[in-house]
Amino acid sequence: MLSVGVVSTGGVGYYLETVGSGVDDYYARSGPGRWVGAGAAAIGLAGVVDTAQIDALV
């Protein structure tokens, strides 16, 4: 499921630990977040989202 939220530098940890891991959607348990779409590919993002990638974007 796609969710949109404002992420500040201090909030990155929360998103990585809860939203990115699927904890925010108890019933889905879909696993870690993945980069998708032409925009992500255009800037070299692919596969599972990791902390270093999020830190670089924020």
N, C-alpha and C. Protein backbone atom coordinates (compact mmCIF):
# COMPACT_ATOMS: atom_id res chain seq x y z
N MET A 1 0.84 -1.18 0.00
CA MET A 1 0.00 0.00 0.00
C MET A 1 0.88 1.23 0.00
N LEU A 2 0.54 2.21 -0.78
CA LEU A 2 1.29 3.46 -0.86
C LEU A 2 0.76 4.43 0.18
N SER A 3 1.67 5.02 0.92
CA SER A 3 1.28 6.07 1.84
C SER A 3 2.23 7.24 1.65
N VAL A 4 1.71 8.43 1.84
CA VAL A 4 2.48 9.65 1.64
C VAL A 4 2.55 10.39 2.96
N GLY A 5 3.73 10.87 3.31
CA GLY A 5 3.89 11.64 4.53
C GLY A 5 5.08 12.55 4.44
N VAL A 6 5.08 13.60 5.22
CA VAL A 6 6.19 14.53 5.28
C VAL A 6 7.25 13.91 6.18
N VAL A 7 8.49 13.84 5.69
CA VAL A 7 9.57 13.25 6.46
C VAL A 7 10.66 14.29 6.65
N SER A 8 10.95 14.58 7.91
CA SER A 8 12.06 15.47 8.22
C SER A 8 13.26 14.62 8.59
N THR A 9 14.40 15.23 8.70
CA THR A 9 15.60 14.48 9.05
C THR A 9 15.42 13.69 10.34
N GLY A 10 14.78 14.25 11.33
CA GLY A 10 14.57 13.56 12.60
C GLY A 10 13.55 12.43 12.52
N GLY A 11 12.70 12.44 11.51
CA GLY A 11 11.66 11.44 11.39
C GLY A 11 12.03 10.24 10.54
N VAL A 12 13.20 10.24 9.95
CA VAL A 12 13.61 9.15 9.07
C VAL A 12 13.65 7.83 9.81
N GLY A 13 14.19 7.81 11.01
CA GLY A 13 14.27 6.58 11.79
C GLY A 13 12.91 5.95 12.03
N TYR A 14 11.92 6.77 12.33
CA TYR A 14 10.56 6.27 12.54
C TYR A 14 10.04 5.57 11.29
N TYR A 15 10.20 6.23 10.16
CA TYR A 15 9.70 5.63 8.92
C TYR A 15 10.42 4.35 8.56
N LEU A 16 11.72 4.32 8.77
CA LEU A 16 12.47 3.11 8.45
C LEU A 16 12.09 1.95 9.36
N GLU A 17 11.84 2.23 10.63
CA GLU A 17 11.55 1.17 11.60
C GLU A 17 10.10 0.71 11.57
N THR A 18 9.18 1.59 11.20
CA THR A 18 7.77 1.21 11.23
C THR A 18 7.15 1.15 9.85
N VAL A 19 7.06 2.28 9.19
CA VAL A 19 6.39 2.35 7.90
C VAL A 19 7.13 1.54 6.85
N GLY A 20 8.44 1.71 6.74
CA GLY A 20 9.22 1.01 5.73
C GLY A 20 9.26 -0.49 5.91
N SER A 21 9.11 -0.94 7.14
CA SER A 21 9.16 -2.38 7.40
C SER A 21 7.78 -3.04 7.37
N GLY A 22 6.74 -2.25 7.20
CA GLY A 22 5.39 -2.81 7.14
C GLY A 22 4.70 -2.88 8.48
N VAL A 23 5.33 -2.40 9.55
CA VAL A 23 4.73 -2.47 10.88
C VAL A 23 3.47 -1.61 10.96
N ASP A 24 3.41 -0.52 10.18
CA ASP A 24 2.25 0.37 10.24
C ASP A 24 0.97 -0.30 9.72
N ASP A 25 1.10 -1.33 8.91
CA ASP A 25 -0.05 -2.04 8.38
C ASP A 25 -0.01 -3.47 8.90
N TYR A 26 -0.56 -3.68 10.05
CA TYR A 26 -0.48 -4.96 10.75
C TYR A 26 -0.97 -6.13 9.91
N TYR A 27 -2.03 -5.92 9.16
CA TYR A 27 -2.64 -7.02 8.42
C TYR A 27 -1.92 -7.35 7.11
N ALA A 28 -1.27 -6.38 6.51
CA ALA A 28 -0.60 -6.62 5.22
C ALA A 28 0.70 -7.38 5.40
N ARG A 29 1.53 -6.95 6.33
CA ARG A 29 2.83 -7.59 6.56
C ARG A 29 3.53 -7.91 5.24
N SER A 30 3.65 -6.89 4.41
CA SER A 30 4.17 -7.08 3.07
C SER A 30 5.70 -7.08 2.99
N GLY A 31 6.38 -6.88 4.09
CA GLY A 31 7.84 -6.88 4.07
C GLY A 31 8.42 -5.50 3.89
N PRO A 32 9.72 -5.42 3.64
CA PRO A 32 10.39 -4.12 3.53
C PRO A 32 9.96 -3.36 2.28
N GLY A 33 10.15 -2.05 2.32
CA GLY A 33 9.82 -1.21 1.16
C GLY A 33 10.77 -1.47 0.01
N ARG A 34 10.27 -1.26 -1.21
CA ARG A 34 11.08 -1.45 -2.42
C ARG A 34 10.95 -0.21 -3.28
N TRP A 35 12.02 0.15 -3.96
CA TRP A 35 12.00 1.25 -4.90
C TRP A 35 11.30 0.80 -6.18
N VAL A 36 10.37 1.60 -6.67
CA VAL A 36 9.66 1.29 -7.90
C VAL A 36 9.49 2.56 -8.72
N GLY A 37 9.27 2.41 -10.01
CA GLY A 37 8.95 3.53 -10.88
C GLY A 37 10.13 4.11 -11.62
N ALA A 38 9.79 4.87 -12.65
CA ALA A 38 10.80 5.47 -13.52
C ALA A 38 11.63 6.53 -12.79
N GLY A 39 11.01 7.25 -11.88
CA GLY A 39 11.74 8.29 -11.13
C GLY A 39 12.84 7.69 -10.27
N ALA A 40 12.53 6.61 -9.57
CA ALA A 40 13.53 5.94 -8.74
C ALA A 40 14.66 5.40 -9.62
N ALA A 41 14.30 4.78 -10.73
CA ALA A 41 15.31 4.22 -11.64
C ALA A 41 16.19 5.31 -12.22
N ALA A 42 15.60 6.46 -12.51
CA ALA A 42 16.36 7.56 -13.10
C ALA A 42 17.47 8.08 -12.19
N ILE A 43 17.28 7.93 -10.88
CA ILE A 43 18.33 8.38 -9.95
C ILE A 43 19.08 7.21 -9.32
N GLY A 44 18.94 6.04 -9.93
CA GLY A 44 19.73 4.88 -9.52
C GLY A 44 19.23 4.11 -8.32
N LEU A 45 17.96 4.26 -7.98
CA LEU A 45 17.40 3.53 -6.84
C LEU A 45 16.66 2.29 -7.32
N ALA A 46 17.01 1.14 -6.76
CA ALA A 46 16.38 -0.12 -7.13
C ALA A 46 16.47 -1.08 -5.96
N GLY A 47 15.56 -2.04 -5.91
CA GLY A 47 15.60 -3.06 -4.87
C GLY A 47 15.01 -2.58 -3.56
N VAL A 48 15.48 -3.16 -2.46
CA VAL A 48 14.98 -2.85 -1.11
C VAL A 48 15.51 -1.49 -0.65
N VAL A 49 14.64 -0.70 -0.05
CA VAL A 49 15.00 0.61 0.49
C VAL A 49 15.88 0.41 1.72
N ASP A 50 17.01 1.13 1.78
CA ASP A 50 17.85 1.04 2.97
C ASP A 50 18.10 2.42 3.58
N THR A 51 18.59 2.42 4.79
CA THR A 51 18.78 3.65 5.56
C THR A 51 19.66 4.66 4.84
N ALA A 52 20.74 4.24 4.26
CA ALA A 52 21.67 5.16 3.59
C ALA A 52 20.98 5.89 2.43
N GLN A 53 20.13 5.18 1.70
CA GLN A 53 19.41 5.81 0.58
C GLN A 53 18.44 6.88 1.07
N ILE A 54 17.71 6.57 2.12
CA ILE A 54 16.77 7.54 2.68
C ILE A 54 17.52 8.75 3.23
N ASP A 55 18.59 8.53 3.95
CA ASP A 55 19.39 9.62 4.49
C ASP A 55 19.89 10.53 3.38
N ALA A 56 20.32 9.97 2.26
CA ALA A 56 20.83 10.75 1.13
C ALA A 56 19.72 11.58 0.50
N LEU A 57 18.50 11.07 0.48
CA LEU A 57 17.39 11.81 -0.11
C LEU A 57 16.86 12.92 0.78
N VAL A 58 16.92 12.73 2.09
CA VAL A 58 16.41 13.72 3.03
C VAL A 58 17.49 14.73 3.25
